PDB file of N, CA and C in Angstrom:
ATOM      1  N   MET A   1      16.119 -14.883 -12.836  1.00  0.00           N
ATOM      2  CA  MET A   1      14.693 -14.669 -12.708  1.00  0.00           C
ATOM      3  C   MET A   1      14.385 -13.176 -12.840  1.00  0.00           C
ATOM      4  N   LYS A   2      13.364 -12.860 -13.584  1.00  0.00           N
ATOM      5  CA  LYS A   2      12.915 -11.485 -13.723  1.00  0.00           C
ATOM      6  C   LYS A   2      11.864 -11.181 -12.663  1.00  0.00           C
ATOM      7  N   ALA A   3      11.575  -9.893 -12.491  1.00  0.00           N
ATOM      8  CA  ALA A   3      10.480  -9.495 -11.610  1.00  0.00           C
ATOM      9  C   ALA A   3       9.173 -10.022 -12.203  1.00  0.00           C
ATOM     10  N   VAL A   4       8.273 -10.474 -11.321  1.00  0.00           N
ATOM     11  CA  VAL A   4       6.990 -11.021 -11.745  1.00  0.00           C
ATOM     12  C   VAL A   4       5.872 -10.206 -11.101  1.00  0.00           C
ATOM     13  N   GLU A   5       4.999  -9.661 -11.931  1.00  0.00           N
ATOM     14  CA  GLU A   5       3.868  -8.910 -11.418  1.00  0.00           C
ATOM     15  C   GLU A   5       2.846  -9.887 -10.838  1.00  0.00           C
ATOM     16  N   LEU A   6       2.495  -9.694  -9.557  1.00  0.00           N
ATOM     17  CA  LEU A   6       1.526 -10.550  -8.887  1.00  0.00           C
ATOM     18  C   LEU A   6       0.142  -9.914  -8.821  1.00  0.00           C
ATOM     19  N   ILE A   7       0.104  -8.611  -8.593  1.00  0.00           N
ATOM     20  CA  ILE A   7      -1.157  -7.873  -8.515  1.00  0.00           C
ATOM     21  C   ILE A   7      -0.981  -6.529  -9.209  1.00  0.00           C
ATOM     22  N   CYS A   8      -1.970  -6.160  -9.992  1.00  0.00           N
ATOM     23  CA  CYS A   8      -2.037  -4.811 -10.563  1.00  0.00           C
ATOM     24  C   CYS A   8      -3.513  -4.552 -10.822  1.00  0.00           C
ATOM     25  N   THR A   9      -4.149  -3.900  -9.838  1.00  0.00           N
ATOM     26  CA  THR A   9      -5.592  -3.734  -9.934  1.00  0.00           C
ATOM     27  C   THR A   9      -6.049  -2.433  -9.299  1.00  0.00           C
ATOM     28  N   ARG A  10      -7.201  -1.996  -9.709  1.00  0.00           N
ATOM     29  CA  ARG A  10      -7.857  -0.824  -9.128  1.00  0.00           C
ATOM     30  C   ARG A  10      -9.226  -1.283  -8.625  1.00  0.00           C
ATOM     31  N   VAL A  11      -9.522  -0.935  -7.379  1.00  0.00           N
ATOM     32  CA  VAL A  11     -10.798  -1.277  -6.759  1.00  0.00           C
ATOM     33  C   VAL A  11     -11.557   0.021  -6.526  1.00  0.00           C
ATOM     34  N   VAL A  12     -12.715   0.149  -7.153  1.00  0.00           N
ATOM     35  CA  VAL A  12     -13.527   1.356  -7.014  1.00  0.00           C
ATOM     36  C   VAL A  12     -14.469   1.166  -5.831  1.00  0.00           C
ATOM     37  N   TYR A  13     -14.406   2.114  -4.886  1.00  0.00           N
ATOM     38  CA  TYR A  13     -15.274   2.090  -3.711  1.00  0.00           C
ATOM     39  C   TYR A  13     -16.503   2.978  -3.909  1.00  0.00           C
ATOM     40  N   THR A  14     -16.290   4.176  -4.417  1.00  0.00           N
ATOM     41  CA  THR A  14     -17.374   5.114  -4.703  1.00  0.00           C
ATOM     42  C   THR A  14     -16.983   5.892  -5.950  1.00  0.00           C
ATOM     43  N   GLU A  15     -17.822   6.844  -6.344  1.00  0.00           N
ATOM     44  CA  GLU A  15     -17.489   7.689  -7.499  1.00  0.00           C
ATOM     45  C   GLU A  15     -16.213   8.481  -7.266  1.00  0.00           C
ATOM     46  N   SER A  16     -15.901   8.768  -6.007  1.00  0.00           N
ATOM     47  CA  SER A  16     -14.731   9.614  -5.713  1.00  0.00           C
ATOM     48  C   SER A  16     -13.628   8.886  -4.947  1.00  0.00           C
ATOM     49  N   ALA A  17     -13.754   7.577  -4.750  1.00  0.00           N
ATOM     50  CA  ALA A  17     -12.743   6.850  -3.971  1.00  0.00           C
ATOM     51  C   ALA A  17     -12.382   5.520  -4.634  1.00  0.00           C
ATOM     52  N   PHE A  18     -11.082   5.260  -4.703  1.00  0.00           N
ATOM     53  CA  PHE A  18     -10.608   3.987  -5.243  1.00  0.00           C
ATOM     54  C   PHE A  18      -9.289   3.605  -4.585  1.00  0.00           C
ATOM     55  N   ALA A  19      -8.969   2.320  -4.660  1.00  0.00           N
ATOM     56  CA  ALA A  19      -7.676   1.805  -4.198  1.00  0.00           C
ATOM     57  C   ALA A  19      -6.947   1.246  -5.397  1.00  0.00           C
ATOM     58  N   GLU A  20      -5.649   1.443  -5.414  1.00  0.00           N
ATOM     59  CA  GLU A  20      -4.813   0.877  -6.459  1.00  0.00           C
ATOM     60  C   GLU A  20      -3.761   0.012  -5.776  1.00  0.00           C
ATOM     61  N   LEU A  21      -3.650  -1.247  -6.202  1.00  0.00           N
ATOM     62  CA  LEU A  21      -2.729  -2.197  -5.592  1.00  0.00           C
ATOM     63  C   LEU A  21      -1.790  -2.737  -6.660  1.00  0.00           C
ATOM     64  N   VAL A  22      -0.486  -2.599  -6.411  1.00  0.00           N
ATOM     65  CA  VAL A  22       0.538  -3.100  -7.317  1.00  0.00           C
ATOM     66  C   VAL A  22       1.560  -3.859  -6.474  1.00  0.00           C
ATOM     67  N   LEU A  23       1.838  -5.121  -6.860  1.00  0.00           N
ATOM     68  CA  LEU A  23       2.759  -5.968  -6.106  1.00  0.00           C
ATOM     69  C   LEU A  23       3.576  -6.813  -7.073  1.00  0.00           C
ATOM     70  N   TRP A  24       4.886  -6.812  -6.872  1.00  0.00           N
ATOM     71  CA  TRP A  24       5.813  -7.578  -7.699  1.00  0.00           C
ATOM     72  C   TRP A  24       6.635  -8.506  -6.819  1.00  0.00           C
ATOM     73  N   ARG A  25       6.982  -9.702  -7.343  1.00  0.00           N
ATOM     74  CA  ARG A  25       7.985 -10.570  -6.720  1.00  0.00           C
ATOM     75  C   ARG A  25       9.295 -10.294  -7.462  1.00  0.00           C
ATOM     76  N   LEU A  26      10.346 -10.009  -6.708  1.00  0.00           N
ATOM     77  CA  LEU A  26      11.638  -9.640  -7.280  1.00  0.00           C
ATOM     78  C   LEU A  26      12.647 -10.772  -7.163  1.00  0.00           C
ATOM     79  N   PRO A  27      13.686 -10.743  -7.983  1.00  0.00           N
ATOM     80  CA  PRO A  27      14.731 -11.766  -7.864  1.00  0.00           C
ATOM     81  C   PRO A  27      15.611 -11.567  -6.633  1.00  0.00           C
ATOM     82  N   LYS A  28      15.683 -10.327  -6.129  1.00  0.00           N
ATOM     83  CA  LYS A  28      16.451 -10.037  -4.912  1.00  0.00           C
ATOM     84  C   LYS A  28      15.795  -8.856  -4.199  1.00  0.00           C
ATOM     85  N   PRO A  29      16.003  -8.737  -2.896  1.00  0.00           N
ATOM     86  CA  PRO A  29      15.355  -7.643  -2.156  1.00  0.00           C
ATOM     87  C   PRO A  29      15.800  -6.265  -2.644  1.00  0.00           C
ATOM     88  N   LEU A  30      14.879  -5.308  -2.541  1.00  0.00           N
ATOM     89  CA  LEU A  30      15.210  -3.912  -2.800  1.00  0.00           C
ATOM     90  C   LEU A  30      16.118  -3.407  -1.682  1.00  0.00           C
ATOM     91  N   GLU A  31      16.904  -2.403  -1.965  1.00  0.00           N
ATOM     92  CA  GLU A  31      17.695  -1.755  -0.927  1.00  0.00           C
ATOM     93  C   GLU A  31      16.742  -1.239   0.150  1.00  0.00           C
ATOM     94  N   GLY A  32      17.018  -1.596   1.412  1.00  0.00           N
ATOM     95  CA  GLY A  32      16.168  -1.175   2.519  1.00  0.00           C
ATOM     96  C   GLY A  32      15.121  -2.196   2.920  1.00  0.00           C
ATOM     97  N   SER A  33      14.951  -3.267   2.137  1.00  0.00           N
ATOM     98  CA  SER A  33      13.991  -4.325   2.445  1.00  0.00           C
ATOM     99  C   SER A  33      14.718  -5.662   2.580  1.00  0.00           C
ATOM    100  N   THR A  34      14.090  -6.590   3.294  1.00  0.00           N
ATOM    101  CA  THR A  34      14.694  -7.906   3.485  1.00  0.00           C
ATOM    102  C   THR A  34      13.914  -9.010   2.787  1.00  0.00           C
ATOM    103  N   HIS A  35      12.867  -8.666   2.074  1.00  0.00           N
ATOM    104  CA  HIS A  35      12.006  -9.646   1.406  1.00  0.00           C
ATOM    105  C   HIS A  35      12.055  -9.432  -0.104  1.00  0.00           C
ATOM    106  N   LEU A  36      11.406 -10.314  -0.826  1.00  0.00           N
ATOM    107  CA  LEU A  36      11.470 -10.305  -2.295  1.00  0.00           C
ATOM    108  C   LEU A  36      10.268  -9.640  -2.961  1.00  0.00           C
ATOM    109  N   PHE A  37       9.681  -8.651  -2.322  1.00  0.00           N
ATOM    110  CA  PHE A  37       8.498  -8.001  -2.881  1.00  0.00           C
ATOM    111  C   PHE A  37       8.690  -6.496  -3.010  1.00  0.00           C
ATOM    112  N   LYS A  38       8.141  -5.961  -4.072  1.00  0.00           N
ATOM    113  CA  LYS A  38       8.066  -4.516  -4.301  1.00  0.00           C
ATOM    114  C   LYS A  38       6.583  -4.210  -4.399  1.00  0.00           C
ATOM    115  N   TYR A  39       6.124  -3.186  -3.653  1.00  0.00           N
ATOM    116  CA  TYR A  39       4.699  -2.920  -3.639  1.00  0.00           C
ATOM    117  C   TYR A  39       4.388  -1.439  -3.522  1.00  0.00           C
ATOM    118  N   ARG A  40       3.160  -1.120  -3.953  1.00  0.00           N
ATOM    119  CA  ARG A  40       2.599   0.225  -3.826  1.00  0.00           C
ATOM    120  C   ARG A  40       1.088   0.059  -3.733  1.00  0.00           C
ATOM    121  N   LEU A  41       0.542   0.361  -2.579  1.00  0.00           N
ATOM    122  CA  LEU A  41      -0.898   0.293  -2.365  1.00  0.00           C
ATOM    123  C   LEU A  41      -1.347   1.687  -1.980  1.00  0.00           C
ATOM    124  N   ALA A  42      -2.301   2.222  -2.703  1.00  0.00           N
ATOM    125  CA  ALA A  42      -2.744   3.597  -2.451  1.00  0.00           C
ATOM    126  C   ALA A  42      -4.259   3.654  -2.398  1.00  0.00           C
ATOM    127  N   TYR A  43      -4.757   4.474  -1.481  1.00  0.00           N
ATOM    128  CA  TYR A  43      -6.183   4.740  -1.389  1.00  0.00           C
ATOM    129  C   TYR A  43      -6.381   6.225  -1.670  1.00  0.00           C
ATOM    130  N   VAL A  44      -7.182   6.524  -2.689  1.00  0.00           N
ATOM    131  CA  VAL A  44      -7.373   7.893  -3.170  1.00  0.00           C
ATOM    132  C   VAL A  44      -8.837   8.291  -2.989  1.00  0.00           C
ATOM    133  N   VAL A  45      -9.045   9.444  -2.357  1.00  0.00           N
ATOM    134  CA  VAL A  45     -10.392   9.964  -2.130  1.00  0.00           C
ATOM    135  C   VAL A  45     -10.431  11.406  -2.637  1.00  0.00           C
ATOM    136  N   GLY A  46     -11.362  11.696  -3.509  1.00  0.00           N
ATOM    137  CA  GLY A  46     -11.499  13.049  -4.040  1.00  0.00           C
ATOM    138  C   GLY A  46     -10.232  13.554  -4.711  1.00  0.00           C
ATOM    139  N   GLY A  47      -9.504  12.654  -5.362  1.00  0.00           N
ATOM    140  CA  GLY A  47      -8.278  13.031  -6.053  1.00  0.00           C
ATOM    141  C   GLY A  47      -7.049  13.148  -5.169  1.00  0.00           C
ATOM    142  N   GLU A  48      -7.189  12.884  -3.869  1.00  0.00           N
ATOM    143  CA  GLU A  48      -6.067  12.991  -2.929  1.00  0.00           C
ATOM    144  C   GLU A  48      -5.721  11.615  -2.368  1.00  0.00           C
ATOM    145  N   CYS A  49      -4.443  11.266  -2.385  1.00  0.00           N
ATOM    146  CA  CYS A  49      -3.990  10.010  -1.791  1.00  0.00           C
ATOM    147  C   CYS A  49      -3.999  10.185  -0.273  1.00  0.00           C
ATOM    148  N   VAL A  50      -4.909   9.474   0.407  1.00  0.00           N
ATOM    149  CA  VAL A  50      -5.050   9.619   1.857  1.00  0.00           C
ATOM    150  C   VAL A  50      -4.367   8.493   2.625  1.00  0.00           C
ATOM    151  N   LEU A  51      -3.964   7.427   1.915  1.00  0.00           N
ATOM    152  CA  LEU A  51      -3.313   6.270   2.535  1.00  0.00           C
ATOM    153  C   LEU A  51      -2.429   5.598   1.498  1.00  0.00           C
ATOM    154  N   ARG A  52      -1.196   5.284   1.892  1.00  0.00           N
ATOM    155  CA  ARG A  52      -0.300   4.591   0.952  1.00  0.00           C
ATOM    156  C   ARG A  52       0.664   3.707   1.724  1.00  0.00           C
ATOM    157  N   TYR A  53       0.833   2.500   1.237  1.00  0.00           N
ATOM    158  CA  TYR A  53       1.861   1.575   1.715  1.00  0.00           C
ATOM    159  C   TYR A  53       2.830   1.384   0.553  1.00  0.00           C
ATOM    160  N   ASP A  54       4.116   1.490   0.814  1.00  0.00           N
ATOM    161  CA  ASP A  54       5.085   1.239  -0.260  1.00  0.00           C
ATOM    162  C   ASP A  54       6.453   0.927   0.326  1.00  0.00           C
ATOM    163  N   ASN A  55       7.346   0.512  -0.529  1.00  0.00           N
ATOM    164  CA  ASN A  55       8.717   0.224  -0.127  1.00  0.00           C
ATOM    165  C   ASN A  55       9.688   0.658  -1.222  1.00  0.00           C
ATOM    166  N   GLU A  56       9.649   1.935  -1.530  1.00  0.00           N
ATOM    167  CA  GLU A  56      10.554   2.438  -2.565  1.00  0.00           C
ATOM    168  C   GLU A  56      11.996   2.174  -2.150  1.00  0.00           C
ATOM    169  N   ALA A  57      12.840   1.941  -3.132  1.00  0.00           N
ATOM    170  CA  ALA A  57      14.242   1.587  -2.877  1.00  0.00           C
ATOM    171  C   ALA A  57      14.909   2.594  -1.955  1.00  0.00           C
ATOM    172  N   GLY A  58      15.577   2.073  -0.924  1.00  0.00           N
ATOM    173  CA  GLY A  58      16.319   2.910   0.005  1.00  0.00           C
ATOM    174  C   GLY A  58      15.511   3.363   1.207  1.00  0.00           C
ATOM    175  N   LYS A  59      14.185   3.361   1.119  1.00  0.00           N
ATOM    176  CA  LYS A  59      13.352   3.817   2.236  1.00  0.00           C
ATOM    177  C   LYS A  59      12.796   2.656   3.057  1.00  0.00           C
ATOM    178  N   GLY A  60      12.790   1.467   2.509  1.00  0.00           N
ATOM    179  CA  GLY A  60      12.247   0.319   3.221  1.00  0.00           C
ATOM    180  C   GLY A  60      10.730   0.347   3.280  1.00  0.00           C
ATOM    181  N   ASP A  61      10.180  -0.576   4.026  1.00  0.00           N
ATOM    182  CA  ASP A  61       8.741  -0.729   4.147  1.00  0.00           C
ATOM    183  C   ASP A  61       8.169   0.374   5.031  1.00  0.00           C
ATOM    184  N   HIS A  62       7.173   1.078   4.513  1.00  0.00           N
ATOM    185  CA  HIS A  62       6.553   2.149   5.300  1.00  0.00           C
ATOM    186  C   HIS A  62       5.151   2.444   4.779  1.00  0.00           C
ATOM    187  N   ARG A  63       4.424   3.228   5.568  1.00  0.00           N
ATOM    188  CA  ARG A  63       3.080   3.637   5.164  1.00  0.00           C
ATOM    189  C   ARG A  63       2.904   5.117   5.437  1.00  0.00           C
ATOM    190  N   HIS A  64       2.015   5.717   4.679  1.00  0.00           N
ATOM    191  CA  HIS A  64       1.651   7.124   4.831  1.00  0.00           C
ATOM    192  C   HIS A  64       0.184   7.139   5.243  1.00  0.00           C
ATOM    193  N   TYR A  65      -0.109   7.791   6.364  1.00  0.00           N
ATOM    194  CA  TYR A  65      -1.480   7.865   6.863  1.00  0.00           C
ATOM    195  C   TYR A  65      -1.631   9.149   7.656  1.00  0.00           C
ATOM    196  N   GLY A  66      -2.657   9.901   7.338  1.00  0.00           N
ATOM    197  CA  GLY A  66      -2.912  11.129   8.074  1.00  0.00           C
ATOM    198  C   GLY A  66      -1.776  12.129   8.020  1.00  0.00           C
ATOM    199  N   GLY A  67      -1.108  12.215   6.880  1.00  0.00           N
ATOM    200  CA  GLY A  67      -0.012  13.164   6.733  1.00  0.00           C
ATOM    201  C   GLY A  67       1.289  12.724   7.379  1.00  0.00           C
ATOM    202  N   ARG A  68       1.320  11.520   7.922  1.00  0.00           N
ATOM    203  CA  ARG A  68       2.533  11.023   8.577  1.00  0.00           C
ATOM    204  C   ARG A  68       3.048   9.778   7.878  1.00  0.00           C
ATOM    205  N   GLN A  69       4.347   9.608   7.947  1.00  0.00           N
ATOM    206  CA  GLN A  69       4.987   8.411   7.429  1.00  0.00           C
ATOM    207  C   GLN A  69       5.517   7.623   8.616  1.00  0.00           C
ATOM    208  N   SER A  70       5.289   6.297   8.603  1.00  0.00           N
ATOM    209  CA  SER A  70       5.794   5.450   9.673  1.00  0.00           C
ATOM    210  C   SER A  70       6.277   4.122   9.095  1.00  0.00           C
ATOM    211  N   ALA A  71       7.153   3.460   9.816  1.00  0.00           N
ATOM    212  CA  ALA A  71       7.670   2.155   9.381  1.00  0.00           C
ATOM    213  C   ALA A  71       6.526   1.151   9.346  1.00  0.00           C
ATOM    214  N   TYR A  72       6.624   0.206   8.434  1.00  0.00           N
ATOM    215  CA  TYR A  72       5.647  -0.874   8.333  1.00  0.00           C
ATOM    216  C   TYR A  72       6.391  -2.194   8.419  1.00  0.00           C
ATOM    217  N   GLY A  73       5.926  -3.102   9.253  1.00  0.00           N
ATOM    218  CA  GLY A  73       6.558  -4.413   9.417  1.00  0.00           C
ATOM    219  C   GLY A  73       5.990  -5.434   8.446  1.00  0.00           C
ATOM    220  N   PHE A  74       6.524  -5.456   7.230  1.00  0.00           N
ATOM    221  CA  PHE A  74       6.052  -6.395   6.199  1.00  0.00           C
ATOM    222  C   PHE A  74       6.320  -7.835   6.638  1.00  0.00           C
ATOM    223  N   THR A  75       5.292  -8.703   6.471  1.00  0.00           N
ATOM    224  CA  THR A  75       5.483 -10.133   6.736  1.00  0.00           C
ATOM    225  C   THR A  75       5.156 -10.963   5.503  1.00  0.00           C
ATOM    226  N   THR A  76       3.938 -10.774   4.964  1.00  0.00           N
ATOM    227  CA  THR A  76       3.506 -11.509   3.765  1.00  0.00           C
ATOM    228  C   THR A  76       2.646 -10.593   2.900  1.00  0.00           C
ATOM    229  N   PRO A  77       2.519 -10.910   1.620  1.00  0.00           N
ATOM    230  CA  PRO A  77       1.618 -10.125   0.773  1.00  0.00           C
ATOM    231  C   PRO A  77       0.178 -10.151   1.289  1.00  0.00           C
ATOM    232  N   GLU A  78      -0.271 -11.287   1.791  1.00  0.00           N
ATOM    233  CA  GLU A  78      -1.638 -11.396   2.299  1.00  0.00           C
ATOM    234  C   GLU A  78      -1.858 -10.469   3.503  1.00  0.00           C
ATOM    235  N   ARG A  79      -0.888 -10.422   4.409  1.00  0.00           N
ATOM    236  CA  ARG A  79      -0.986  -9.553   5.585  1.00  0.00           C
ATOM    237  C   ARG A  79      -0.943  -8.087   5.161  1.00  0.00           C
ATOM    238  N   LEU A  80      -0.113  -7.768   4.162  1.00  0.00           N
ATOM    239  CA  LEU A  80      -0.021  -6.403   3.631  1.00  0.00           C
ATOM    240  C   LEU A  80      -1.387  -5.930   3.151  1.00  0.00           C
ATOM    241  N   VAL A  81      -2.055  -6.730   2.334  1.00  0.00           N
ATOM    242  CA  VAL A  81      -3.363  -6.356   1.802  1.00  0.00           C
ATOM    243  C   VAL A  81      -4.389  -6.255   2.931  1.00  0.00           C
ATOM    244  N   ALA A  82      -4.344  -7.175   3.894  1.00  0.00           N
ATOM    245  CA  ALA A  82      -5.275  -7.125   5.030  1.00  0.00           C
ATOM    246  C   ALA A  82      -5.056  -5.864   5.859  1.00  0.00           C
ATOM    247  N   ASP A  83      -3.803  -5.501   6.120  1.00  0.00           N
ATOM    248  CA  ASP A  83      -3.505  -4.284   6.879  1.00  0.00           C
ATOM    249  C   ASP A  83      -3.971  -3.038   6.124  1.00  0.00           C
ATOM    250  N   PHE A  84      -3.767  -3.039   4.823  1.00  0.00           N
ATOM    251  CA  PHE A  84      -4.209  -1.920   3.980  1.00  0.00           C
ATOM    252  C   PHE A  84      -5.726  -1.771   4.053  1.00  0.00           C
ATOM    253  N   GLN A  85      -6.457  -2.884   3.914  1.00  0.00           N
ATOM    254  CA  GLN A  85      -7.912  -2.835   3.978  1.00  0.00           C
ATOM    255  C   GLN A  85      -8.390  -2.373   5.361  1.00  0.00           C
ATOM    256  N   LYS A  86      -7.699  -2.801   6.394  1.00  0.00           N
ATOM    257  CA  LYS A  86      -8.049  -2.372   7.751  1.00  0.00           C
ATOM    258  C   LYS A  86      -7.865  -0.859   7.891  1.00  0.00           C
ATOM    259  N   ASP A  87      -6.788  -0.323   7.316  1.00  0.00           N
ATOM    260  CA  ASP A  87      -6.559   1.125   7.372  1.00  0.00           C
ATOM    261  C   ASP A  87      -7.570   1.906   6.537  1.00  0.00           C
ATOM    262  N   ILE A  88      -8.038   1.330   5.440  1.00  0.00           N
ATOM    263  CA  ILE A  88      -9.099   1.990   4.666  1.00  0.00           C
ATOM    264  C   ILE A  88     -10.353   2.100   5.532  1.00  0.00           C
ATOM    265  N   ALA A  89     -10.711   1.023   6.216  1.00  0.00           N
ATOM    266  CA  ALA A  89     -11.878   1.052   7.110  1.00  0.00           C
ATOM    267  C   ALA A  89     -11.671   2.068   8.227  1.00  0.00           C
ATOM    268  N   ARG A  90     -10.455   2.115   8.774  1.00  0.00           N
ATOM    269  CA  ARG A  90     -10.141   3.085   9.831  1.00  0.00           C
ATOM    270  C   ARG A  90     -10.292   4.512   9.302  1.00  0.00           C
ATOM    271  N   TRP A  91      -9.770   4.770   8.091  1.00  0.00           N
ATOM    272  CA  TRP A  91      -9.867   6.105   7.504  1.00  0.00           C
ATOM    273  C   TRP A  91     -11.338   6.509   7.376  1.00  0.00           C
ATOM    274  N   HIS A  92     -12.171   5.570   6.897  1.00  0.00           N
ATOM    275  CA  HIS A  92     -13.600   5.867   6.739  1.00  0.00           C
ATOM    276  C   HIS A  92     -14.247   6.154   8.087  1.00  0.00           C
ATOM    277  N   HIS A  93     -13.894   5.404   9.101  1.00  0.00           N
ATOM    278  CA  HIS A  93     -14.449   5.634  10.444  1.00  0.00           C
ATOM    279  C   HIS A  93     -14.048   7.010  10.959  1.00  0.00           C
ATOM    280  N   GLU A  94     -12.783   7.376  10.801  1.00  0.00           N
ATOM    281  CA  GLU A  94     -12.282   8.659  11.298  1.00  0.00           C
ATOM    282  C   GLU A  94     -12.771   9.851  10.493  1.00  0.00           C
ATOM    283  N   ASN A  95     -13.183   9.619   9.257  1.00  0.00           N
ATOM    284  CA  ASN A  95     -13.588  10.716   8.373  1.00  0.00           C
ATOM    285  C   ASN A  95     -15.056  10.621   7.951  1.00  0.00           C
ATOM    286  N   ARG A  96     -15.852   9.920   8.692  1.00  0.00           N
ATOM    287  CA  ARG A  96     -17.257   9.695   8.320  1.00  0.00           C
ATOM    288  C   ARG A  96     -18.080  10.967   8.271  1.00  0.00           C
ATOM    289  N   ASN A  97     -17.671  12.007   9.008  1.00  0.00           N
ATOM    290  CA  ASN A  97     -18.433  13.251   9.027  1.00  0.00           C
ATOM    291  C   ASN A  97     -17.820  14.334   8.132  1.00  0.00           C
ATOM    292  N   ALA A  98     -16.769  13.979   7.415  1.00  0.00           N
ATOM    293  CA  ALA A  98     -16.080  14.978   6.574  1.00  0.00           C
ATOM    294  C   ALA A  98     -16.795  15.195   5.260  1.00  0.00           C
TER     295      ALA A  98
END
């Protein structure tokens, strides 16, 4: 079985903000992951990536938020997208006066 692209989309929020979501189903887990998905979800504001979820080989599932990297407990693609959207809302709440 080859890798299968499940999602590859860009969602425009404003003139200066967009999200890019890329998700693949793999034939075997990446090094550092226990599931069959490879993903990269990024939220970009004013040309700067302010939020990212990914699982690059060897690093496992993690997210970048507020200049920090932390482990992410991947369960399902649906939960991943929901958590990402929740963090976008959180970012907007925390940066509403910026």
